[in-house]
């Protein structure tokens, strides 16, 4: 917790983390302190707040339940900075009603389209890479891994986007938070690699094709 004001630490403590070890609890809160401003932490903890649950049953490294305001982390990713930042960024995008930009405002609605789902994940992934402090090799290449078929290529794209949004891709460097992060995304998103993400649209297209073929057989 060193390097942060007591007021900011108190804001991070408002986040409810269930059934984790002291080491995991400290690691999660350290990521929150490093990746978000005090104002952002207060927004995330306001009203219904947010709860963190470590659960081995979730399919991916992490997940965000917008209805119940819950961040889920797999045990092996419970201290992973990239995963923690990604899922909390989903929550911040939803809670921060001051965001009006096409890229940085939340796309999470009850009847979300596949195109908006792609944009939500792409923008959240971009914001994660922008915020990471200190910058490090993420454990999970996330949606970059759905754009190329090899991890090396995904990591190269991550570094390219870090350079696009922050201006540095050196390990240990400080990222952007608050308005600086939001402004960087709104200005540079269209030129990023992750802006090309079309994972959910491809999945839906494949489902539609399969359904159509089944109908034709009948």
Protein backbone atom coordinates (compact mmCIF):
# COMPACT_ATOMS: atom_id res chain seq x y z
CA UNK A 1 0.00 0.00 0.00
CA UNK A 2 3.04 2.27 0.12
CA UNK A 3 3.06 5.33 -2.10
CA UNK A 4 -0.67 6.02 -1.70
CA UNK A 5 -2.49 8.42 0.60
CA UNK A 6 -4.49 7.08 3.54
CA UNK A 7 -7.67 8.51 2.00
CA UNK A 8 -7.09 6.55 -1.20
CA UNK A 9 -6.30 3.40 0.78
CA UNK A 10 -9.56 3.88 2.69
CA UNK A 11 -11.41 4.12 -0.64
CA UNK A 12 -9.84 0.85 -1.81
CA UNK A 13 -10.91 -0.80 1.45
CA UNK A 14 -14.56 -0.11 0.59
CA UNK A 15 -14.33 -2.82 -2.07
CA UNK A 16 -15.71 -6.07 -0.62
CA UNK A 17 -13.50 -9.10 -1.24
CA UNK A 18 -14.85 -12.48 -0.10
CA UNK A 19 -13.10 -15.71 0.90
CA UNK A 20 -9.52 -14.87 -0.05
CA UNK A 21 -6.24 -15.10 1.80
CA UNK A 22 -4.64 -11.98 3.26
CA UNK A 23 -2.01 -12.16 0.51
CA UNK A 24 -4.67 -12.24 -2.22
CA UNK A 25 -6.65 -9.45 -0.57
CA UNK A 26 -3.58 -7.22 -0.39
CA UNK A 27 -2.62 -8.01 -4.00
CA UNK A 28 -6.08 -7.15 -5.34
CA UNK A 29 -6.23 -3.85 -3.44
CA UNK A 30 -2.70 -2.98 -4.58
CA UNK A 31 -3.79 -3.38 -8.21
CA UNK A 32 -6.82 -1.16 -7.57
CA UNK A 33 -4.65 1.53 -5.99
CA UNK A 34 -2.15 1.43 -8.84
CA UNK A 35 -4.68 1.32 -11.70
CA UNK A 36 -7.40 3.73 -10.58
CA UNK A 37 -7.71 7.18 -9.01
CA UNK A 38 -9.34 7.79 -5.61
CA UNK A 39 -12.35 9.32 -7.36
CA UNK A 40 -12.70 6.23 -9.54
CA UNK A 41 -12.45 3.91 -6.52
CA UNK A 42 -15.17 5.94 -4.78
CA UNK A 43 -17.42 5.66 -7.85
CA UNK A 44 -16.92 1.92 -8.02
CA UNK A 45 -17.77 1.51 -4.32
CA UNK A 46 -20.77 3.89 -4.35
CA UNK A 47 -24.42 2.86 -3.90
CA UNK A 48 -24.59 -0.93 -4.45
CA UNK A 49 -20.79 -1.04 -4.58
CA UNK A 50 -18.95 -4.03 -5.98
CA UNK A 51 -18.01 -7.41 -4.57
CA UNK A 52 -15.07 -9.63 -5.54
CA UNK A 53 -15.52 -13.40 -5.49
CA UNK A 54 -12.78 -15.93 -6.25
CA UNK A 55 -14.45 -18.91 -7.94
CA UNK A 56 -12.90 -21.81 -9.85
CA UNK A 57 -16.18 -22.51 -11.69
CA UNK A 58 -16.06 -19.48 -14.02
CA UNK A 59 -15.02 -20.34 -17.60
CA UNK A 60 -12.33 -17.67 -18.11
CA UNK A 61 -9.70 -15.82 -16.09
CA UNK A 62 -12.29 -13.37 -14.82
CA UNK A 63 -15.86 -12.22 -15.32
CA UNK A 64 -18.10 -9.28 -14.44
CA UNK A 65 -21.73 -9.71 -13.41
CA UNK A 66 -23.25 -6.29 -14.10
CA UNK A 67 -26.64 -7.17 -12.60
CA UNK A 68 -25.22 -8.16 -9.21
CA UNK A 69 -22.17 -5.83 -9.41
CA UNK A 70 -19.78 -8.71 -8.81
CA UNK A 71 -16.27 -9.32 -10.12
CA UNK A 72 -15.35 -13.01 -10.39
CA UNK A 73 -11.74 -14.18 -10.53
CA UNK A 74 -10.41 -17.68 -11.02
CA UNK A 75 -8.05 -18.69 -8.16
CA UNK A 76 -5.03 -18.81 -10.47
CA UNK A 77 -5.79 -15.26 -11.67
CA UNK A 78 -6.79 -13.81 -8.28
CA UNK A 79 -3.63 -11.68 -8.12
CA UNK A 80 -3.19 -11.07 -11.88
CA UNK A 81 -3.02 -7.31 -12.44
CA UNK A 82 -4.35 -7.40 -16.00
CA UNK A 83 -7.37 -9.55 -15.14
CA UNK A 84 -8.25 -7.55 -12.03
CA UNK A 85 -7.96 -4.24 -13.88
CA UNK A 86 -10.03 -5.53 -16.81
CA UNK A 87 -12.99 -6.69 -14.73
CA UNK A 88 -13.00 -3.58 -12.54
CA UNK A 89 -12.84 -1.40 -15.64
CA UNK A 90 -16.10 -3.01 -16.80
CA UNK A 91 -17.60 -1.99 -13.46
CA UNK A 92 -16.19 1.55 -13.60
CA UNK A 93 -17.49 2.05 -17.14
CA UNK A 94 -20.96 1.12 -15.89
CA UNK A 95 -20.86 3.24 -12.72
CA UNK A 96 -19.20 6.35 -14.18
CA UNK A 97 -22.21 8.11 -15.70
CA UNK A 98 -20.06 11.13 -16.56
CA UNK A 99 -18.55 9.18 -19.44
CA UNK A 100 -20.19 10.32 -22.67
CA UNK A 101 -17.64 9.28 -25.29
CA UNK A 102 -18.49 6.59 -27.82
CA UNK A 103 -15.54 4.47 -26.75
CA UNK A 104 -15.34 4.94 -22.99
CA UNK A 105 -19.02 4.84 -21.97
CA UNK A 106 -20.46 1.48 -20.99
CA UNK A 107 -22.22 -0.64 -23.60
CA UNK A 108 -23.72 -2.99 -21.04
CA UNK A 109 -27.51 -2.97 -21.44
CA UNK A 110 -30.12 -5.74 -21.05
CA UNK A 111 -30.45 -6.26 -24.81
CA UNK A 112 -26.84 -5.78 -25.83
CA UNK A 113 -26.04 -6.44 -29.50
CA UNK A 114 -23.08 -8.53 -30.62
CA UNK A 115 -21.46 -5.43 -32.14
CA UNK A 116 -21.78 -3.54 -28.85
CA UNK A 117 -20.47 -6.57 -26.96
CA UNK A 118 -17.38 -6.50 -29.17
CA UNK A 119 -16.97 -2.76 -28.54
CA UNK A 120 -17.44 -3.19 -24.76
CA UNK A 121 -14.72 -5.83 -24.59
CA UNK A 122 -12.41 -4.07 -27.02
CA UNK A 123 -12.68 -0.73 -25.19
CA UNK A 124 -12.31 -2.38 -21.77
CA UNK A 125 -9.25 -4.29 -22.95
CA UNK A 126 -7.76 -1.09 -24.36
CA UNK A 127 -8.39 0.75 -21.11
CA UNK A 128 -6.82 -2.11 -19.16
CA UNK A 129 -3.61 -1.90 -21.18
CA UNK A 130 -3.62 1.88 -20.76
CA UNK A 131 -4.02 1.72 -16.98
CA UNK A 132 -1.58 -1.09 -16.10
CA UNK A 133 0.87 0.25 -13.51
CA UNK A 134 3.57 -0.85 -13.46
CA UNK A 135 3.38 -2.11 -17.03
CA UNK A 136 4.14 -5.82 -17.13
CA UNK A 137 3.63 -8.94 -19.22
CA UNK A 138 0.03 -9.86 -18.54
CA UNK A 139 -0.76 -13.43 -17.55
CA UNK A 140 -3.81 -13.56 -19.83
CA UNK A 141 -3.63 -12.11 -23.37
CA UNK A 142 -7.41 -11.70 -23.17
CA UNK A 143 -9.20 -10.68 -26.36
CA UNK A 144 -5.96 -10.16 -28.24
CA UNK A 145 -5.72 -13.95 -28.19
CA UNK A 146 -8.99 -14.14 -30.13
CA UNK A 147 -7.57 -11.95 -32.90
CA UNK A 148 -4.44 -13.98 -33.69
CA UNK A 149 -3.67 -17.69 -33.38
CA UNK A 150 -0.44 -17.38 -31.40
CA UNK A 151 0.51 -15.83 -28.07
CA UNK A 152 3.61 -14.10 -29.42
CA UNK A 153 1.52 -12.18 -31.93
CA UNK A 154 -1.02 -11.27 -29.24
CA UNK A 155 1.68 -9.91 -26.95
CA UNK A 156 3.16 -7.89 -29.79
CA UNK A 157 -0.25 -6.32 -30.36
CA UNK A 158 -0.57 -5.56 -26.65
CA UNK A 159 2.75 -3.70 -26.68
CA UNK A 160 1.75 -1.84 -29.84
CA UNK A 161 -1.50 -0.68 -28.24
CA UNK A 162 0.25 0.30 -25.01
CA UNK A 163 2.53 2.49 -27.12
CA UNK A 164 -0.48 3.94 -28.96
CA UNK A 165 -2.40 4.87 -25.82
CA UNK A 166 0.36 5.69 -23.33
CA UNK A 167 3.45 6.41 -25.41
CA UNK A 168 5.56 3.71 -23.74
CA UNK A 169 5.64 -0.08 -23.70
CA UNK A 170 8.57 -0.53 -21.35
CA UNK A 171 8.20 -2.92 -18.43
CA UNK A 172 7.76 -1.08 -15.13
CA UNK A 173 6.48 2.16 -16.63
CA UNK A 174 3.46 4.01 -15.20
CA UNK A 175 0.16 3.95 -17.10
CA UNK A 176 -2.65 6.49 -17.27
CA UNK A 177 -5.61 6.90 -14.91
CA UNK A 178 -8.68 9.10 -14.64
CA UNK A 179 -9.37 11.66 -17.36
CA UNK A 180 -5.96 11.10 -18.95
CA UNK A 181 -6.82 7.47 -19.62
CA UNK A 182 -10.29 8.35 -20.93
CA UNK A 183 -8.94 11.06 -23.25
CA UNK A 184 -6.23 8.77 -24.62
CA UNK A 185 -8.78 6.09 -25.48
CA UNK A 186 -11.21 8.47 -27.14
CA UNK A 187 -8.44 9.99 -29.27
CA UNK A 188 -6.45 6.89 -30.19
CA UNK A 189 -8.87 3.94 -30.13
CA UNK A 190 -9.63 3.84 -33.85
CA UNK A 191 -5.93 3.44 -34.61
CA UNK A 192 -5.41 0.57 -32.17
CA UNK A 193 -5.17 -3.14 -32.82
CA UNK A 194 -7.92 -4.07 -30.37
CA UNK A 195 -10.39 -1.80 -32.19
CA UNK A 196 -10.52 -4.51 -34.88
CA UNK A 197 -12.03 -7.07 -32.47
CA UNK A 198 -15.10 -8.79 -33.94
CA UNK A 199 -15.19 -11.95 -31.82
CA UNK A 200 -18.85 -11.94 -30.76
CA UNK A 201 -20.06 -10.93 -34.23
CA UNK A 202 -18.13 -13.88 -35.71
CA UNK A 203 -19.56 -16.26 -33.12
CA UNK A 204 -23.10 -15.03 -33.78
CA UNK A 205 -22.59 -15.30 -37.54
CA UNK A 206 -21.40 -18.89 -37.15
CA UNK A 207 -24.45 -19.70 -34.98
CA UNK A 208 -26.81 -18.13 -37.52
CA UNK A 209 -25.21 -20.15 -40.32
CA UNK A 210 -25.56 -23.38 -38.34
CA UNK A 211 -29.21 -22.66 -37.52
CA UNK A 212 -29.93 -21.91 -41.18
CA UNK A 213 -28.32 -25.18 -42.31
CA UNK A 214 -30.39 -27.15 -39.80
CA UNK A 215 -33.56 -25.48 -41.06
CA UNK A 216 -32.65 -26.33 -44.66
CA UNK A 217 -32.12 -30.00 -43.75
CA UNK A 218 -35.59 -30.13 -42.22
